[in-house]
PDB file of N, CA and C in Angstrom:
ATOM      1  N   MET A   1     159.112   8.205-109.342  1.00  0.00           N
ATOM      2  CA  MET A   1     158.552   8.887-107.834  1.00  0.00           C
ATOM      3  C   MET A   1     157.418   9.496-108.825  1.00  0.00           C
ATOM      4  N   ASP A   2     156.504   9.041-107.961  1.00  0.00           N
ATOM      5  CA  ASP A   2     155.032   9.858-108.146  1.00  0.00           C
ATOM      6  C   ASP A   2     155.046  11.037-107.759  1.00  0.00           C
ATOM      7  N   ARG A   3     154.565  11.915-108.388  1.00  0.00           N
ATOM      8  CA  ARG A   3     154.364  13.321-108.108  1.00  0.00           C
ATOM      9  C   ARG A   3     152.799  13.856-108.445  1.00  0.00           C
ATOM     10  N   GLY A   4     151.745  13.596-107.575  1.00  0.00           N
ATOM     11  CA  GLY A   4     150.242  14.111-108.191  1.00  0.00           C
ATOM     12  C   GLY A   4     149.853  12.922-109.124  1.00  0.00           C
ATOM     13  N   ASN A   5     149.950  13.398-110.059  1.00  0.00           N
ATOM     14  CA  ASN A   5     149.204  12.608-111.545  1.00  0.00           C
ATOM     15  C   ASN A   5     150.630  12.652-112.453  1.00  0.00           C
ATOM     16  N   GLU A   6     151.741  13.025-111.816  1.00  0.00           N
ATOM     17  CA  GLU A   6     152.847  12.983-112.796  1.00  0.00           C
ATOM     18  C   GLU A   6     153.864  11.815-112.182  1.00  0.00           C
ATOM     19  N   ARG A   7     154.829  11.306-112.907  1.00  0.00           N
ATOM     20  CA  ARG A   7     155.493  10.197-112.645  1.00  0.00           C
ATOM     21  C   ARG A   7     156.883  10.791-112.826  1.00  0.00           C
ATOM     22  N   ILE A   8     157.968  10.995-112.582  1.00  0.00           N
ATOM     23  CA  ILE A   8     159.446  11.422-112.737  1.00  0.00           C
ATOM     24  C   ILE A   8     160.619  10.731-112.354  1.00  0.00           C
ATOM     25  N   ALA A   9     161.632  10.826-113.008  1.00  0.00           N
ATOM     26  CA  ALA A   9     162.513   9.954-112.691  1.00  0.00           C
ATOM     27  C   ALA A   9     163.802  10.663-112.197  1.00  0.00           C
ATOM     28  N   ILE A  10     164.895  10.428-111.300  1.00  0.00           N
ATOM     29  CA  ILE A  10     165.719  11.137-110.923  1.00  0.00           C
ATOM     30  C   ILE A  10     167.017  10.419-110.778  1.00  0.00           C
ATOM     31  N   GLU A  11     168.157  10.941-111.177  1.00  0.00           N
ATOM     32  CA  GLU A  11     169.414  10.189-111.257  1.00  0.00           C
ATOM     33  C   GLU A  11     170.103  10.954-110.641  1.00  0.00           C
ATOM     34  N   VAL A  12     170.842  10.598-109.688  1.00  0.00           N
ATOM     35  CA  VAL A  12     171.939  11.284-108.763  1.00  0.00           C
ATOM     36  C   VAL A  12     173.190  10.964-109.433  1.00  0.00           C
ATOM     37  N   LYS A  13     173.771  11.855-109.885  1.00  0.00           N
ATOM     38  CA  LYS A  13     175.242  11.889-110.064  1.00  0.00           C
ATOM     39  C   LYS A  13     176.489  12.234-109.256  1.00  0.00           C
ATOM     40  N   SER A  14     177.677  11.355-108.877  1.00  0.00           N
ATOM     41  CA  SER A  14     178.647  11.587-107.977  1.00  0.00           C
ATOM     42  C   SER A  14     179.459  12.666-108.505  1.00  0.00           C
ATOM     43  N   ASN A  15     179.630  13.013-109.951  1.00  0.00           N
ATOM     44  CA  ASN A  15     180.446  13.880-110.593  1.00  0.00           C
ATOM     45  C   ASN A  15     179.652  15.041-110.572  1.00  0.00           C
ATOM     46  N   SER A  16     180.661  15.751-111.672  1.00  0.00           N
ATOM     47  CA  SER A  16     180.187  16.997-111.682  1.00  0.00           C
ATOM     48  C   SER A  16     179.478  17.399-113.159  1.00  0.00           C
ATOM     49  N   GLY A  17     179.806  16.367-114.096  1.00  0.00           N
ATOM     50  CA  GLY A  17     179.365  16.479-115.595  1.00  0.00           C
ATOM     51  C   GLY A  17     178.399  15.798-115.873  1.00  0.00           C
ATOM     52  N   THR A  18     177.504  16.613-116.737  1.00  0.00           N
ATOM     53  CA  THR A  18     176.457  15.315-117.308  1.00  0.00           C
ATOM     54  C   THR A  18     176.697  15.384-118.741  1.00  0.00           C
ATOM     55  N   ASN A  19     176.018  14.623-119.828  1.00  0.00           N
ATOM     56  CA  ASN A  19     176.149  14.770-121.157  1.00  0.00           C
ATOM     57  C   ASN A  19     175.263  14.190-121.650  1.00  0.00           C
ATOM     58  N   PRO A  20     175.064  14.568-123.177  1.00  0.00           N
ATOM     59  CA  PRO A  20     173.780  14.026-123.915  1.00  0.00           C
ATOM     60  C   PRO A  20     173.742  12.486-123.598  1.00  0.00           C
ATOM     61  N   HIS A  21     174.655  11.525-123.350  1.00  0.00           N
ATOM     62  CA  HIS A  21     174.001  10.390-122.998  1.00  0.00           C
ATOM     63  C   HIS A  21     173.335  10.535-121.820  1.00  0.00           C
ATOM     64  N   ASP A  22     173.746  10.636-120.844  1.00  0.00           N
ATOM     65  CA  ASP A  22     173.050  10.555-119.554  1.00  0.00           C
ATOM     66  C   ASP A  22     171.589  11.218-119.983  1.00  0.00           C
ATOM     67  N   ALA A  23     171.121  11.927-120.683  1.00  0.00           N
ATOM     68  CA  ALA A  23     170.049  12.502-120.887  1.00  0.00           C
ATOM     69  C   ALA A  23     169.250  11.516-121.720  1.00  0.00           C
ATOM     70  N   ARG A  24     169.593  10.846-122.869  1.00  0.00           N
ATOM     71  CA  ARG A  24     169.318   9.769-123.614  1.00  0.00           C
ATOM     72  C   ARG A  24     169.021   8.661-122.623  1.00  0.00           C
ATOM     73  N   ARG A  25     170.101   8.278-121.891  1.00  0.00           N
ATOM     74  CA  ARG A  25     169.466   6.973-120.901  1.00  0.00           C
ATOM     75  C   ARG A  25     168.236   7.289-120.242  1.00  0.00           C
ATOM     76  N   LEU A  26     168.158   8.509-119.510  1.00  0.00           N
ATOM     77  CA  LEU A  26     167.147   8.784-118.552  1.00  0.00           C
ATOM     78  C   LEU A  26     165.971   9.108-119.420  1.00  0.00           C
ATOM     79  N   GLU A  27     166.244   9.829-120.905  1.00  0.00           N
ATOM     80  CA  GLU A  27     164.714   9.210-121.531  1.00  0.00           C
ATOM     81  C   GLU A  27     164.168   8.146-121.727  1.00  0.00           C
ATOM     82  N   SER A  28     165.116   7.031-121.901  1.00  0.00           N
ATOM     83  CA  SER A  28     164.767   5.717-122.241  1.00  0.00           C
ATOM     84  C   SER A  28     164.031   5.045-120.724  1.00  0.00           C
ATOM     85  N   VAL A  29     164.484   5.626-119.733  1.00  0.00           N
ATOM     86  CA  VAL A  29     163.672   4.872-118.481  1.00  0.00           C
ATOM     87  C   VAL A  29     162.860   5.730-118.374  1.00  0.00           C
ATOM     88  N   LEU A  30     162.248   7.300-118.678  1.00  0.00           N
ATOM     89  CA  LEU A  30     160.811   8.038-118.707  1.00  0.00           C
ATOM     90  C   LEU A  30     160.359   6.962-119.563  1.00  0.00           C
ATOM     91  N   ASP A  31     160.444   6.328-120.776  1.00  0.00           N
ATOM     92  CA  ASP A  31     159.789   5.816-121.851  1.00  0.00           C
ATOM     93  C   ASP A  31     158.905   4.523-121.033  1.00  0.00           C
ATOM     94  N   ASP A  32     159.981   3.664-120.044  1.00  0.00           N
ATOM     95  CA  ASP A  32     159.893   2.369-119.657  1.00  0.00           C
ATOM     96  C   ASP A  32     159.103   2.735-118.485  1.00  0.00           C
ATOM     97  N   ILE A  33     158.800   3.771-117.841  1.00  0.00           N
ATOM     98  CA  ILE A  33     157.950   3.715-116.661  1.00  0.00           C
ATOM     99  C   ILE A  33     157.008   4.790-116.821  1.00  0.00           C
ATOM    100  N   GLY A  34     156.403   5.240-118.190  1.00  0.00           N
ATOM    101  CA  GLY A  34     155.901   5.870-118.178  1.00  0.00           C
ATOM    102  C   GLY A  34     155.943   7.261-117.711  1.00  0.00           C
ATOM    103  N   GLY A  35     157.075   8.049-117.734  1.00  0.00           N
ATOM    104  CA  GLY A  35     157.413   9.427-116.905  1.00  0.00           C
ATOM    105  C   GLY A  35     157.218  10.455-117.781  1.00  0.00           C
ATOM    106  N   THR A  36     157.324  11.478-117.290  1.00  0.00           N
ATOM    107  CA  THR A  36     156.715  12.906-118.002  1.00  0.00           C
ATOM    108  C   THR A  36     158.275  13.561-117.948  1.00  0.00           C
ATOM    109  N   ARG A  37     158.927  13.625-116.793  1.00  0.00           N
ATOM    110  CA  ARG A  37     160.187  14.462-116.456  1.00  0.00           C
ATOM    111  C   ARG A  37     161.438  13.708-115.658  1.00  0.00           C
ATOM    112  N   GLY A  38     162.646  13.920-115.940  1.00  0.00           N
ATOM    113  CA  GLY A  38     163.453  13.471-115.443  1.00  0.00           C
ATOM    114  C   GLY A  38     164.639  14.780-114.823  1.00  0.00           C
ATOM    115  N   TYR A  39     165.362  14.106-113.846  1.00  0.00           N
ATOM    116  CA  TYR A  39     166.196  15.050-113.106  1.00  0.00           C
ATOM    117  C   TYR A  39     167.649  14.635-113.055  1.00  0.00           C
ATOM    118  N   LEU A  40     168.670  14.835-113.435  1.00  0.00           N
ATOM    119  CA  LEU A  40     170.041  14.497-113.043  1.00  0.00           C
ATOM    120  C   LEU A  40     170.477  15.423-112.276  1.00  0.00           C
ATOM    121  N   LEU A  41     170.830  14.897-110.811  1.00  0.00           N
ATOM    122  CA  LEU A  41     171.226  15.591-109.745  1.00  0.00           C
ATOM    123  C   LEU A  41     172.715  15.462-109.476  1.00  0.00           C
ATOM    124  N   GLY A  42     173.685  16.508-109.664  1.00  0.00           N
ATOM    125  CA  GLY A  42     174.819  16.424-109.416  1.00  0.00           C
ATOM    126  C   GLY A  42     175.533  17.688-108.911  1.00  0.00           C
ATOM    127  N   MET A  43     177.036  17.792-108.873  1.00  0.00           N
ATOM    128  CA  MET A  43     177.565  18.381-108.117  1.00  0.00           C
ATOM    129  C   MET A  43     178.278  19.313-109.155  1.00  0.00           C
ATOM    130  N   GLY A  44     178.145  20.556-108.961  1.00  0.00           N
ATOM    131  CA  GLY A  44     178.881  21.743-109.701  1.00  0.00           C
ATOM    132  C   GLY A  44     178.387  22.005-111.339  1.00  0.00           C
ATOM    133  N   ALA A  45     177.791  21.281-111.877  1.00  0.00           N
ATOM    134  CA  ALA A  45     177.226  21.058-113.242  1.00  0.00           C
ATOM    135  C   ALA A  45     176.173  22.243-113.258  1.00  0.00           C
ATOM    136  N   PRO A  46     176.039  23.443-114.385  1.00  0.00           N
ATOM    137  CA  PRO A  46     175.127  24.362-114.142  1.00  0.00           C
ATOM    138  C   PRO A  46     173.433  23.636-114.358  1.00  0.00           C
ATOM    139  N   SER A  47     172.741  24.414-113.425  1.00  0.00           N
ATOM    140  CA  SER A  47     171.324  23.916-113.829  1.00  0.00           C
ATOM    141  C   SER A  47     170.794  23.920-114.996  1.00  0.00           C
ATOM    142  N   GLU A  48     170.395  22.951-115.737  1.00  0.00           N
ATOM    143  CA  GLU A  48     169.782  23.671-117.059  1.00  0.00           C
ATOM    144  C   GLU A  48     169.194  22.566-117.823  1.00  0.00           C
ATOM    145  N   LYS A  49     168.221  22.682-118.791  1.00  0.00           N
ATOM    146  CA  LYS A  49     167.182  21.991-119.638  1.00  0.00           C
ATOM    147  C   LYS A  49     168.235  21.179-120.310  1.00  0.00           C
ATOM    148  N   ILE A  50     168.359  19.884-120.464  1.00  0.00           N
ATOM    149  CA  ILE A  50     169.391  18.984-121.346  1.00  0.00           C
ATOM    150  C   ILE A  50     168.605  18.813-122.367  1.00  0.00           C
ATOM    151  N   SER A  51     167.238  18.124-122.332  1.00  0.00           N
ATOM    152  CA  SER A  51     166.531  17.576-123.427  1.00  0.00           C
ATOM    153  C   SER A  51     165.047  18.240-123.115  1.00  0.00           C
ATOM    154  N   SER A  52     163.815  17.678-124.054  1.00  0.00           N
ATOM    155  CA  SER A  52     162.440  17.960-123.735  1.00  0.00           C
ATOM    156  C   SER A  52     161.991  17.842-122.312  1.00  0.00           C
ATOM    157  N   ARG A  53     162.843  16.648-121.938  1.00  0.00           N
ATOM    158  CA  ARG A  53     161.916  16.051-120.794  1.00  0.00           C
ATOM    159  C   ARG A  53     162.854  15.781-119.235  1.00  0.00           C
ATOM    160  N   VAL A  54     164.293  16.400-119.656  1.00  0.00           N
ATOM    161  CA  VAL A  54     165.273  16.104-118.482  1.00  0.00           C
ATOM    162  C   VAL A  54     166.069  17.349-118.568  1.00  0.00           C
ATOM    163  N   SER A  55     165.829  17.640-117.221  1.00  0.00           N
ATOM    164  CA  SER A  55     166.926  19.023-116.656  1.00  0.00           C
ATOM    165  C   SER A  55     167.955  18.268-115.843  1.00  0.00           C
ATOM    166  N   ASN A  56     169.204  19.041-115.859  1.00  0.00           N
ATOM    167  CA  ASN A  56     170.154  19.068-115.033  1.00  0.00           C
ATOM    168  C   ASN A  56     170.091  20.045-113.504  1.00  0.00           C
ATOM    169  N   ILE A  57     169.940  19.643-112.426  1.00  0.00           N
ATOM    170  CA  ILE A  57     170.052  20.217-111.108  1.00  0.00           C
ATOM    171  C   ILE A  57     171.342  20.175-110.508  1.00  0.00           C
ATOM    172  N   SER A  58     172.022  21.456-110.467  1.00  0.00           N
ATOM    173  CA  SER A  58     173.331  21.480-109.605  1.00  0.00           C
ATOM    174  C   SER A  58     172.699  21.337-108.075  1.00  0.00           C
ATOM    175  N   LEU A  59     173.250  20.452-107.394  1.00  0.00           N
ATOM    176  CA  LEU A  59     173.376  20.366-105.966  1.00  0.00           C
ATOM    177  C   LEU A  59     173.902  21.424-105.051  1.00  0.00           C
ATOM    178  N   GLU A  60     174.751  22.077-105.829  1.00  0.00           N
ATOM    179  CA  GLU A  60     175.737  23.387-105.293  1.00  0.00           C
ATOM    180  C   GLU A  60     174.800  24.553-105.457  1.00  0.00           C
ATOM    181  N   THR A  61     174.386  24.779-106.453  1.00  0.00           N
ATOM    182  CA  THR A  61     173.327  26.175-106.370  1.00  0.00           C
ATOM    183  C   THR A  61     171.759  25.728-106.039  1.00  0.00           C
ATOM    184  N   ASN A  62     171.569  24.666-106.146  1.00  0.00           N
ATOM    185  CA  ASN A  62     170.240  24.168-105.568  1.00  0.00           C
ATOM    186  C   ASN A  62     170.166  23.200-104.503  1.00  0.00           C
ATOM    187  N   PRO A  63     170.286  23.913-103.051  1.00  0.00           N
ATOM    188  CA  PRO A  63     170.500  23.063-102.067  1.00  0.00           C
ATOM    189  C   PRO A  63     169.184  22.745-101.617  1.00  0.00           C
ATOM    190  N   GLY A  64     168.580  23.095-102.046  1.00  0.00           N
ATOM    191  CA  GLY A  64     167.008  22.638-101.482  1.00  0.00           C
ATOM    192  C   GLY A  64     166.696  21.181-101.711  1.00  0.00           C
ATOM    193  N   TRP A  65     167.297  20.754-102.814  1.00  0.00           N
ATOM    194  CA  TRP A  65     166.809  19.303-103.249  1.00  0.00           C
ATOM    195  C   TRP A  65     167.797  18.433-102.026  1.00  0.00           C
ATOM    196  N   LEU A  66     168.504  18.538-101.208  1.00  0.00           N
ATOM    197  CA  LEU A  66     169.175  18.114-100.192  1.00  0.00           C
ATOM    198  C   LEU A  66     168.250  18.110 -98.868  1.00  0.00           C
ATOM    199  N   PRO A  67     168.088  16.723 -98.406  1.00  0.00           N
ATOM    200  CA  PRO A  67     167.222  16.542 -97.080  1.00  0.00           C
ATOM    201  C   PRO A  67     167.932  17.343 -95.866  1.00  0.00           C
ATOM    202  N   ASP A  68     167.152  17.734 -95.075  1.00  0.00           N
ATOM    203  CA  ASP A  68     167.442  18.485 -93.718  1.00  0.00           C
ATOM    204  C   ASP A  68     168.323  17.642 -92.741  1.00  0.00           C
TER     205      ASP A  68
END
């Protein structure tokens, strides 16, 4: 997704947990697409920065990510 001058990647997870493998995989995608930031969207896991460019976003605690 292009946001202004920045390209970001979003991965939607159907489970509640994320792990370092998920972050590494998304980092690889960012390298392939020339992206600067990536987000793992899931249920239940706490919102936190997983790596320098990848963050986990909990849809339970941040429902603003959900469409109306």
